[in-house]
Protein backbone atom coordinates (compact mmCIF):
# COMPACT_ATOMS: atom_id res chain seq x y z
CA MET A 1 -2.55 -10.18 -8.61
CA LYS A 2 -3.36 -9.03 -5.09
CA PRO A 3 -2.84 -5.38 -4.17
CA ILE A 4 -0.24 -6.23 -1.53
CA GLN A 5 1.88 -7.93 -4.18
CA GLU A 6 1.53 -4.89 -6.42
CA ILE A 7 2.60 -2.59 -3.57
CA ALA A 8 5.65 -4.80 -2.99
CA LYS A 9 6.63 -4.39 -6.64
CA ILE A 10 6.84 -0.59 -6.33
CA ALA A 11 7.99 -0.35 -2.72
CA HIS A 12 11.58 0.38 -3.79
CA LYS A 13 10.31 3.64 -5.32
CA LEU A 14 8.67 4.82 -2.09
CA PRO A 15 10.26 6.60 0.85
CA ILE A 16 10.45 4.51 4.01
CA GLU A 17 7.87 6.71 5.72
CA ALA A 18 5.30 5.95 3.02
CA ILE A 19 6.04 2.24 3.17
CA GLN A 20 5.66 2.25 6.95
CA ASP A 21 2.39 4.19 6.71
CA ILE A 22 0.90 1.85 4.11
CA ASN A 23 2.12 -1.20 6.00
CA GLN A 24 0.55 -0.02 9.25
CA ARG A 25 -2.75 0.78 7.55
CA ILE A 26 -2.93 -2.67 5.93
CA LYS A 27 -1.85 -4.37 9.16
CA ASP A 28 -4.56 -2.55 11.13
CA TRP A 29 -7.09 -3.44 8.45
CA THR A 30 -6.28 -7.15 8.46
CA MET A 31 -6.13 -7.25 12.27
CA SER A 32 -9.71 -5.93 12.32
CA GLU A 33 -10.73 -8.88 10.12
CA GLY A 34 -10.42 -7.02 6.82
CA LYS A 35 -9.27 -9.08 3.87
CA GLU A 36 -6.05 -8.50 1.92
CA ASP A 37 -7.96 -7.90 -1.31
CA ASP A 38 -10.73 -5.66 0.05
CA PRO A 39 -11.29 -2.26 -1.61
CA TYR A 40 -9.50 -0.55 1.27
CA VAL A 41 -6.24 -2.34 0.41
CA TRP A 42 -6.70 -1.50 -3.27
CA GLN A 43 -7.04 2.12 -2.14
CA GLN A 44 -3.64 1.84 -0.45
CA LEU A 45 -2.17 0.57 -3.72
CA ARG A 46 -3.63 3.54 -5.60
CA TYR A 47 -2.11 5.84 -2.95
CA ALA A 48 1.31 4.23 -3.45
CA GLU A 49 1.02 4.45 -7.25
CA ARG A 50 0.01 8.11 -7.07
CA PHE A 51 2.92 8.80 -4.72
CA VAL A 52 5.34 7.29 -7.26
CA LYS A 53 3.67 8.98 -10.26
CA GLU A 54 3.91 12.40 -8.63
CA GLY A 55 7.61 11.82 -8.09
CA ARG A 56 7.44 12.01 -4.33
CA GLY A 57 9.32 8.74 -3.97
């Protein structure tokens, strides 16, 4: 599964500010010709997962 799909699955556990931040980062990345499954996007998924795991969501 692509990292964006994985982020969508846990988005309900994230505060809106985190979702907006991740969304903007991925949008900027893809607008600069980055791909949706590049390591940078996987890094955003790991950030979201860590956010949830630490109970900040």
